[in-house]
């Protein structure tokens, strides 16, 4: 999980450009993703305003960096 592809920029509603960052438990992810987490307890998801998961990253700070590198404005969600 070290290579991060560019995030899609096809959010087409009033919140275009805003993405949401939230912590997710790896236990709640599909098995195909859990198999790649090597015992990690949680990850941070970057979501489009539609709710679609755009990326999963190992920590919150990195989620904000990835979002900004892709010209999105990240907002933390609890």
PDB file of N, CA and C in Angstrom:
ATOM      1  N   UNK A   1       0.822  -1.192   0.000  1.00  0.00           N
ATOM      2  CA  UNK A   1       0.000   0.000   0.000  1.00  0.00           C
ATOM      3  C   UNK A   1       0.869   1.260   0.000  1.00  0.00           C
ATOM      4  N   UNK A   2       1.923   1.255  -0.773  1.00  0.00           N
ATOM      5  CA  UNK A   2       2.772   2.425  -0.822  1.00  0.00           C
ATOM      6  C   UNK A   2       2.592   3.233  -2.094  1.00  0.00           C
ATOM      7  N   UNK A   3       2.049   2.632  -3.145  1.00  0.00           N
ATOM      8  CA  UNK A   3       1.806   3.349  -4.380  1.00  0.00           C
ATOM      9  C   UNK A   3       0.377   3.869  -4.379  1.00  0.00           C
ATOM     10  N   UNK A   4       0.226   5.164  -4.637  1.00  0.00           N
ATOM     11  CA  UNK A   4      -1.087   5.774  -4.600  1.00  0.00           C
ATOM     12  C   UNK A   4      -1.409   6.357  -5.966  1.00  0.00           C
ATOM     13  N   UNK A   5      -2.337   5.732  -6.684  1.00  0.00           N
ATOM     14  CA  UNK A   5      -2.712   6.270  -7.989  1.00  0.00           C
ATOM     15  C   UNK A   5      -3.435   7.591  -7.825  1.00  0.00           C
ATOM     16  N   UNK A   6      -3.484   8.351  -8.891  1.00  0.00           N
ATOM     17  CA  UNK A   6      -4.236   9.602  -8.857  1.00  0.00           C
ATOM     18  C   UNK A   6      -5.700   9.309  -8.568  1.00  0.00           C
ATOM     19  N   UNK A   7      -6.298  10.159  -7.779  1.00  0.00           N
ATOM     20  CA  UNK A   7      -7.709  10.003  -7.453  1.00  0.00           C
ATOM     21  C   UNK A   7      -8.559  10.488  -8.616  1.00  0.00           C
ATOM     22  N   UNK A   8      -9.685   9.843  -8.861  1.00  0.00           N
ATOM     23  CA  UNK A   8     -10.564  10.330  -9.922  1.00  0.00           C
ATOM     24  C   UNK A   8     -11.136  11.695  -9.549  1.00  0.00           C
ATOM     25  N   UNK A   9     -11.357  12.525 -10.542  1.00  0.00           N
ATOM     26  CA  UNK A   9     -11.900  13.868 -10.261  1.00  0.00           C
ATOM     27  C   UNK A   9     -13.306  14.028 -10.829  1.00  0.00           C
ATOM     28  N   UNK A  10     -14.051  12.936 -10.862  1.00  0.00           N
ATOM     29  CA  UNK A  10     -15.363  12.965 -11.497  1.00  0.00           C
ATOM     30  C   UNK A  10     -16.515  13.218 -10.531  1.00  0.00           C
ATOM     31  N   UNK A  11     -16.232  13.798  -9.356  1.00  0.00           N
ATOM     32  CA  UNK A  11     -17.346  14.181  -8.489  1.00  0.00           C
ATOM     33  C   UNK A  11     -18.044  15.344  -9.171  1.00  0.00           C
ATOM     34  N   UNK A  12     -19.349  15.223  -9.381  1.00  0.00           N
ATOM     35  CA  UNK A  12     -20.023  16.207 -10.224  1.00  0.00           C
ATOM     36  C   UNK A  12     -21.206  16.876  -9.534  1.00  0.00           C
ATOM     37  N   UNK A  13     -21.113  17.064  -8.228  1.00  0.00           N
ATOM     38  CA  UNK A  13     -22.203  17.746  -7.530  1.00  0.00           C
ATOM     39  C   UNK A  13     -21.696  19.064  -6.950  1.00  0.00           C
ATOM     40  N   UNK A  14     -22.477  19.668  -6.074  1.00  0.00           N
ATOM     41  CA  UNK A  14     -22.129  20.969  -5.508  1.00  0.00           C
ATOM     42  C   UNK A  14     -20.855  20.923  -4.671  1.00  0.00           C
ATOM     43  N   UNK A  15     -20.460  19.745  -4.197  1.00  0.00           N
ATOM     44  CA  UNK A  15     -19.262  19.617  -3.362  1.00  0.00           C
ATOM     45  C   UNK A  15     -18.035  19.232  -4.164  1.00  0.00           C
ATOM     46  N   UNK A  16     -18.040  19.492  -5.438  1.00  0.00           N
ATOM     47  CA  UNK A  16     -16.900  19.124  -6.281  1.00  0.00           C
ATOM     48  C   UNK A  16     -15.624  19.705  -5.686  1.00  0.00           C
ATOM     49  N   UNK A  17     -14.617  18.860  -5.578  1.00  0.00           N
ATOM     50  CA  UNK A  17     -13.349  19.302  -5.026  1.00  0.00           C
ATOM     51  C   UNK A  17     -13.185  18.978  -3.558  1.00  0.00           C
ATOM     52  N   UNK A  18     -14.246  18.640  -2.873  1.00  0.00           N
ATOM     53  CA  UNK A  18     -14.163  18.289  -1.454  1.00  0.00           C
ATOM     54  C   UNK A  18     -14.170  16.771  -1.337  1.00  0.00           C
ATOM     55  N   UNK A  19     -13.251  16.252  -0.526  1.00  0.00           N
ATOM     56  CA  UNK A  19     -13.249  14.828  -0.197  1.00  0.00           C
ATOM     57  C   UNK A  19     -13.257  14.702   1.318  1.00  0.00           C
ATOM     58  N   UNK A  20     -13.701  13.562   1.777  1.00  0.00           N
ATOM     59  CA  UNK A  20     -13.863  13.328   3.204  1.00  0.00           C
ATOM     60  C   UNK A  20     -12.921  12.226   3.659  1.00  0.00           C
ATOM     61  N   UNK A  21     -12.236  12.468   4.761  1.00  0.00           N
ATOM     62  CA  UNK A  21     -11.268  11.519   5.305  1.00  0.00           C
ATOM     63  C   UNK A  21     -11.820  10.971   6.609  1.00  0.00           C
ATOM     64  N   UNK A  22     -11.838   9.637   6.705  1.00  0.00           N
ATOM     65  CA  UNK A  22     -12.292   9.032   7.953  1.00  0.00           C
ATOM     66  C   UNK A  22     -11.543   7.734   8.200  1.00  0.00           C
ATOM     67  N   UNK A  23     -11.415   7.415   9.465  1.00  0.00           N
ATOM     68  CA  UNK A  23     -10.775   6.171   9.874  1.00  0.00           C
ATOM     69  C   UNK A  23     -11.731   5.008   9.634  1.00  0.00           C
ATOM     70  N   UNK A  24     -11.199   3.909   9.127  1.00  0.00           N
ATOM     71  CA  UNK A  24     -11.992   2.697   8.935  1.00  0.00           C
ATOM     72  C   UNK A  24     -11.228   1.515   9.529  1.00  0.00           C
ATOM     73  N   UNK A  25     -11.961   0.618  10.161  1.00  0.00           N
ATOM     74  CA  UNK A  25     -11.350  -0.594  10.696  1.00  0.00           C
ATOM     75  C   UNK A  25     -11.117  -1.568   9.549  1.00  0.00           C
ATOM     76  N   UNK A  26      -9.958  -2.168   9.519  1.00  0.00           N
ATOM     77  CA  UNK A  26      -9.685  -3.118   8.442  1.00  0.00           C
ATOM     78  C   UNK A  26     -10.629  -4.308   8.517  1.00  0.00           C
ATOM     79  N   UNK A  27     -11.118  -4.631   9.703  1.00  0.00           N
ATOM     80  CA  UNK A  27     -12.059  -5.748   9.849  1.00  0.00           C
ATOM     81  C   UNK A  27     -13.358  -5.495   9.080  1.00  0.00           C
ATOM     82  N   UNK A  28     -13.675  -4.245   8.809  1.00  0.00           N
ATOM     83  CA  UNK A  28     -14.896  -3.895   8.082  1.00  0.00           C
ATOM     84  C   UNK A  28     -14.707  -3.854   6.571  1.00  0.00           C
ATOM     85  N   UNK A  29     -13.505  -4.088   6.108  1.00  0.00           N
ATOM     86  CA  UNK A  29     -13.197  -4.035   4.675  1.00  0.00           C
ATOM     87  C   UNK A  29     -13.360  -5.408   4.036  1.00  0.00           C
ATOM     88  N   UNK A  30     -13.532  -5.454   2.724  1.00  0.00           N
ATOM     89  CA  UNK A  30     -13.626  -6.745   2.039  1.00  0.00           C
ATOM     90  C   UNK A  30     -12.347  -7.572   2.237  1.00  0.00           C
ATOM     91  N   UNK A  31     -12.488  -8.878   2.200  1.00  0.00           N
ATOM     92  CA  UNK A  31     -11.365  -9.787   2.413  1.00  0.00           C
ATOM     93  C   UNK A  31     -10.205  -9.499   1.463  1.00  0.00           C
ATOM     94  N   UNK A  32     -10.492  -9.167   0.223  1.00  0.00           N
ATOM     95  CA  UNK A  32      -9.424  -8.906  -0.743  1.00  0.00           C
ATOM     96  C   UNK A  32      -8.536  -7.735  -0.318  1.00  0.00           C
ATOM     97  N   UNK A  33      -9.107  -6.773   0.371  1.00  0.00           N
ATOM     98  CA  UNK A  33      -8.324  -5.635   0.864  1.00  0.00           C
ATOM     99  C   UNK A  33      -7.643  -6.002   2.177  1.00  0.00           C
ATOM    100  N   UNK A  34      -8.373  -6.680   3.068  1.00  0.00           N
ATOM    101  CA  UNK A  34      -7.773  -7.100   4.349  1.00  0.00           C
ATOM    102  C   UNK A  34      -6.524  -7.932   4.122  1.00  0.00           C
ATOM    103  N   UNK A  35      -6.518  -8.755   3.098  1.00  0.00           N
ATOM    104  CA  UNK A  35      -5.364  -9.611   2.810  1.00  0.00           C
ATOM    105  C   UNK A  35      -4.103  -8.793   2.517  1.00  0.00           C
ATOM    106  N   UNK A  36      -4.266  -7.553   2.138  1.00  0.00           N
ATOM    107  CA  UNK A  36      -3.127  -6.688   1.808  1.00  0.00           C
ATOM    108  C   UNK A  36      -2.693  -5.796   2.963  1.00  0.00           C
ATOM    109  N   UNK A  37      -3.368  -5.874   4.096  1.00  0.00           N
ATOM    110  CA  UNK A  37      -3.086  -4.939   5.188  1.00  0.00           C
ATOM    111  C   UNK A  37      -2.074  -5.437   6.203  1.00  0.00           C
ATOM    112  N   UNK A  38      -1.675  -6.685   6.136  1.00  0.00           N
ATOM    113  CA  UNK A  38      -0.619  -7.247   6.985  1.00  0.00           C
ATOM    114  C   UNK A  38      -0.789  -6.910   8.467  1.00  0.00           C
ATOM    115  N   UNK A  39      -1.954  -7.188   9.003  1.00  0.00           N
ATOM    116  CA  UNK A  39      -2.176  -7.003  10.431  1.00  0.00           C
ATOM    117  C   UNK A  39      -2.466  -5.584  10.880  1.00  0.00           C
ATOM    118  N   UNK A  40      -2.669  -4.683   9.965  1.00  0.00           N
ATOM    119  CA  UNK A  40      -2.989  -3.293  10.316  1.00  0.00           C
ATOM    120  C   UNK A  40      -4.408  -3.248  10.867  1.00  0.00           C
ATOM    121  N   UNK A  41      -4.596  -2.552  11.980  1.00  0.00           N
ATOM    122  CA  UNK A  41      -5.891  -2.470  12.645  1.00  0.00           C
ATOM    123  C   UNK A  41      -6.863  -1.513  11.955  1.00  0.00           C
ATOM    124  N   UNK A  42      -6.340  -0.406  11.416  1.00  0.00           N
ATOM    125  CA  UNK A  42      -7.201   0.572  10.761  1.00  0.00           C
ATOM    126  C   UNK A  42      -6.441   1.294   9.644  1.00  0.00           C
ATOM    127  N   UNK A  43      -7.204   1.861   8.741  1.00  0.00           N
ATOM    128  CA  UNK A  43      -6.695   2.669   7.645  1.00  0.00           C
ATOM    129  C   UNK A  43      -7.520   3.945   7.597  1.00  0.00           C
ATOM    130  N   UNK A  44      -7.149   4.840   6.706  1.00  0.00           N
ATOM    131  CA  UNK A  44      -7.932   6.052   6.501  1.00  0.00           C
ATOM    132  C   UNK A  44      -8.454   6.047   5.072  1.00  0.00           C
ATOM    133  N   UNK A  45      -9.751   6.242   4.950  1.00  0.00           N
ATOM    134  CA  UNK A  45     -10.400   6.250   3.646  1.00  0.00           C
ATOM    135  C   UNK A  45     -10.601   7.687   3.187  1.00  0.00           C
ATOM    136  N   UNK A  46     -10.393   7.895   1.902  1.00  0.00           N
ATOM    137  CA  UNK A  46     -10.701   9.173   1.265  1.00  0.00           C
ATOM    138  C   UNK A  46     -11.953   8.929   0.436  1.00  0.00           C
ATOM    139  N   UNK A  47     -13.018   9.637   0.780  1.00  0.00           N
ATOM    140  CA  UNK A  47     -14.325   9.450   0.136  1.00  0.00           C
ATOM    141  C   UNK A  47     -14.698  10.655  -0.714  1.00  0.00           C
ATOM    142  N   UNK A  48     -15.319  10.392  -1.855  1.00  0.00           N
ATOM    143  CA  UNK A  48     -15.934  11.451  -2.652  1.00  0.00           C
ATOM    144  C   UNK A  48     -17.212  11.896  -1.942  1.00  0.00           C
ATOM    145  N   UNK A  49     -17.755  13.009  -2.345  1.00  0.00           N
ATOM    146  CA  UNK A  49     -18.998  13.491  -1.730  1.00  0.00           C
ATOM    147  C   UNK A  49     -20.157  12.530  -1.977  1.00  0.00           C
ATOM    148  N   UNK A  50     -20.018  11.639  -2.950  1.00  0.00           N
ATOM    149  CA  UNK A  50     -21.037  10.637  -3.232  1.00  0.00           C
ATOM    150  C   UNK A  50     -20.943   9.432  -2.289  1.00  0.00           C
ATOM    151  N   UNK A  51     -19.859   9.375  -1.497  1.00  0.00           N
ATOM    152  CA  UNK A  51     -19.642   8.257  -0.591  1.00  0.00           C
ATOM    153  C   UNK A  51     -18.683   7.218  -1.133  1.00  0.00           C
ATOM    154  N   UNK A  52     -18.353   7.318  -2.405  1.00  0.00           N
ATOM    155  CA  UNK A  52     -17.429   6.373  -3.028  1.00  0.00           C
ATOM    156  C   UNK A  52     -16.047   6.479  -2.390  1.00  0.00           C
ATOM    157  N   UNK A  53     -15.443   5.329  -2.089  1.00  0.00           N
ATOM    158  CA  UNK A  53     -14.082   5.316  -1.548  1.00  0.00           C
ATOM    159  C   UNK A  53     -13.128   5.505  -2.716  1.00  0.00           C
ATOM    160  N   UNK A  54     -12.337   6.571  -2.633  1.00  0.00           N
ATOM    161  CA  UNK A  54     -11.373   6.873  -3.684  1.00  0.00           C
ATOM    162  C   UNK A  54     -10.012   6.266  -3.402  1.00  0.00           C
ATOM    163  N   UNK A  55      -9.652   6.178  -2.111  1.00  0.00           N
ATOM    164  CA  UNK A  55      -8.344   5.634  -1.739  1.00  0.00           C
ATOM    165  C   UNK A  55      -8.353   5.218  -0.281  1.00  0.00           C
ATOM    166  N   UNK A  56      -7.460   4.292   0.045  1.00  0.00           N
ATOM    167  CA  UNK A  56      -7.199   3.888   1.423  1.00  0.00           C
ATOM    168  C   UNK A  56      -5.719   4.107   1.682  1.00  0.00           C
ATOM    169  N   UNK A  57      -5.410   4.765   2.783  1.00  0.00           N
ATOM    170  CA  UNK A  57      -4.015   5.055   3.118  1.00  0.00           C
ATOM    171  C   UNK A  57      -3.756   4.704   4.579  1.00  0.00           C
ATOM    172  N   UNK A  58      -2.494   4.509   4.948  1.00  0.00           N
ATOM    173  CA  UNK A  58      -2.180   4.033   6.296  1.00  0.00           C
ATOM    174  C   UNK A  58      -2.383   5.034   7.437  1.00  0.00           C
ATOM    175  N   UNK A  59      -2.306   6.332   7.149  1.00  0.00           N
ATOM    176  CA  UNK A  59      -2.490   7.281   8.255  1.00  0.00           C
ATOM    177  C   UNK A  59      -3.205   8.549   7.794  1.00  0.00           C
ATOM    178  N   UNK A  60      -3.722   9.271   8.776  1.00  0.00           N
ATOM    179  CA  UNK A  60      -4.556  10.453   8.511  1.00  0.00           C
ATOM    180  C   UNK A  60      -3.785  11.537   7.771  1.00  0.00           C
ATOM    181  N   UNK A  61      -2.566  11.817   8.220  1.00  0.00           N
ATOM    182  CA  UNK A  61      -1.768  12.868   7.582  1.00  0.00           C
ATOM    183  C   UNK A  61      -1.532  12.547   6.105  1.00  0.00           C
ATOM    184  N   UNK A  62      -1.248  11.298   5.827  1.00  0.00           N
ATOM    185  CA  UNK A  62      -1.023  10.896   4.443  1.00  0.00           C
ATOM    186  C   UNK A  62      -2.294  11.024   3.610  1.00  0.00           C
ATOM    187  N   UNK A  63      -3.441  10.760   4.202  1.00  0.00           N
ATOM    188  CA  UNK A  63      -4.710  10.923   3.488  1.00  0.00           C
ATOM    189  C   UNK A  63      -4.892  12.372   3.051  1.00  0.00           C
ATOM    190  N   UNK A  64      -4.555  13.312   3.926  1.00  0.00           N
ATOM    191  CA  UNK A  64      -4.675  14.725   3.582  1.00  0.00           C
ATOM    192  C   UNK A  64      -3.686  15.113   2.495  1.00  0.00           C
ATOM    193  N   UNK A  65      -2.463  14.571   2.555  1.00  0.00           N
ATOM    194  CA  UNK A  65      -1.461  14.854   1.536  1.00  0.00           C
ATOM    195  C   UNK A  65      -1.912  14.322   0.175  1.00  0.00           C
ATOM    196  N   UNK A  66      -2.377  13.074   0.143  1.00  0.00           N
ATOM    197  CA  UNK A  66      -2.827  12.468  -1.115  1.00  0.00           C
ATOM    198  C   UNK A  66      -3.983  13.275  -1.706  1.00  0.00           C
ATOM    199  N   UNK A  67      -4.929  13.677  -0.874  1.00  0.00           N
ATOM    200  CA  UNK A  67      -6.063  14.472  -1.369  1.00  0.00           C
ATOM    201  C   UNK A  67      -5.586  15.789  -1.972  1.00  0.00           C
ATOM    202  N   UNK A  68      -4.714  16.480  -1.256  1.00  0.00           N
ATOM    203  CA  UNK A  68      -4.228  17.783  -1.749  1.00  0.00           C
ATOM    204  C   UNK A  68      -3.377  17.633  -3.006  1.00  0.00           C
ATOM    205  N   UNK A  69      -2.594  16.550  -3.091  1.00  0.00           N
ATOM    206  CA  UNK A  69      -1.787  16.314  -4.291  1.00  0.00           C
ATOM    207  C   UNK A  69      -2.670  16.117  -5.519  1.00  0.00           C
ATOM    208  N   UNK A  70      -3.893  15.703  -5.282  1.00  0.00           N
ATOM    209  CA  UNK A  70      -4.840  15.483  -6.373  1.00  0.00           C
ATOM    210  C   UNK A  70      -5.843  16.625  -6.497  1.00  0.00           C
ATOM    211  N   UNK A  71      -5.485  17.766  -5.920  1.00  0.00           N
ATOM    212  CA  UNK A  71      -6.251  19.006  -6.011  1.00  0.00           C
ATOM    213  C   UNK A  71      -7.645  18.917  -5.402  1.00  0.00           C
ATOM    214  N   UNK A  72      -7.761  18.132  -4.333  1.00  0.00           N
ATOM    215  CA  UNK A  72      -8.998  18.072  -3.565  1.00  0.00           C
ATOM    216  C   UNK A  72      -8.811  18.820  -2.258  1.00  0.00           C
ATOM    217  N   UNK A  73      -9.899  19.232  -1.666  1.00  0.00           N
ATOM    218  CA  UNK A  73      -9.889  19.849  -0.345  1.00  0.00           C
ATOM    219  C   UNK A  73     -10.400  18.815   0.656  1.00  0.00           C
ATOM    220  N   UNK A  74      -9.514  18.263   1.478  1.00  0.00           N
ATOM    221  CA  UNK A  74      -9.935  17.219   2.427  1.00  0.00           C
ATOM    222  C   UNK A  74     -10.604  17.796   3.664  1.00  0.00           C
ATOM    223  N   UNK A  75     -11.611  17.066   4.130  1.00  0.00           N
ATOM    224  CA  UNK A  75     -12.341  17.428   5.338  1.00  0.00           C
ATOM    225  C   UNK A  75     -12.398  16.169   6.200  1.00  0.00           C
ATOM    226  N   UNK A  76     -12.120  16.316   7.482  1.00  0.00           N
ATOM    227  CA  UNK A  76     -12.162  15.179   8.395  1.00  0.00           C
ATOM    228  C   UNK A  76     -13.600  14.845   8.786  1.00  0.00           C
ATOM    229  N   UNK A  77     -13.908  13.551   8.807  1.00  0.00           N
ATOM    230  CA  UNK A  77     -15.238  13.070   9.187  1.00  0.00           C
ATOM    231  C   UNK A  77     -15.048  12.088  10.333  1.00  0.00           C
ATOM    232  N   UNK A  78     -15.930  12.163  11.319  1.00  0.00           N
ATOM    233  CA  UNK A  78     -15.810  11.243  12.474  1.00  0.00           C
ATOM    234  C   UNK A  78     -16.903  10.209  12.434  1.00  0.00           C
TER     235      UNK A  78
END
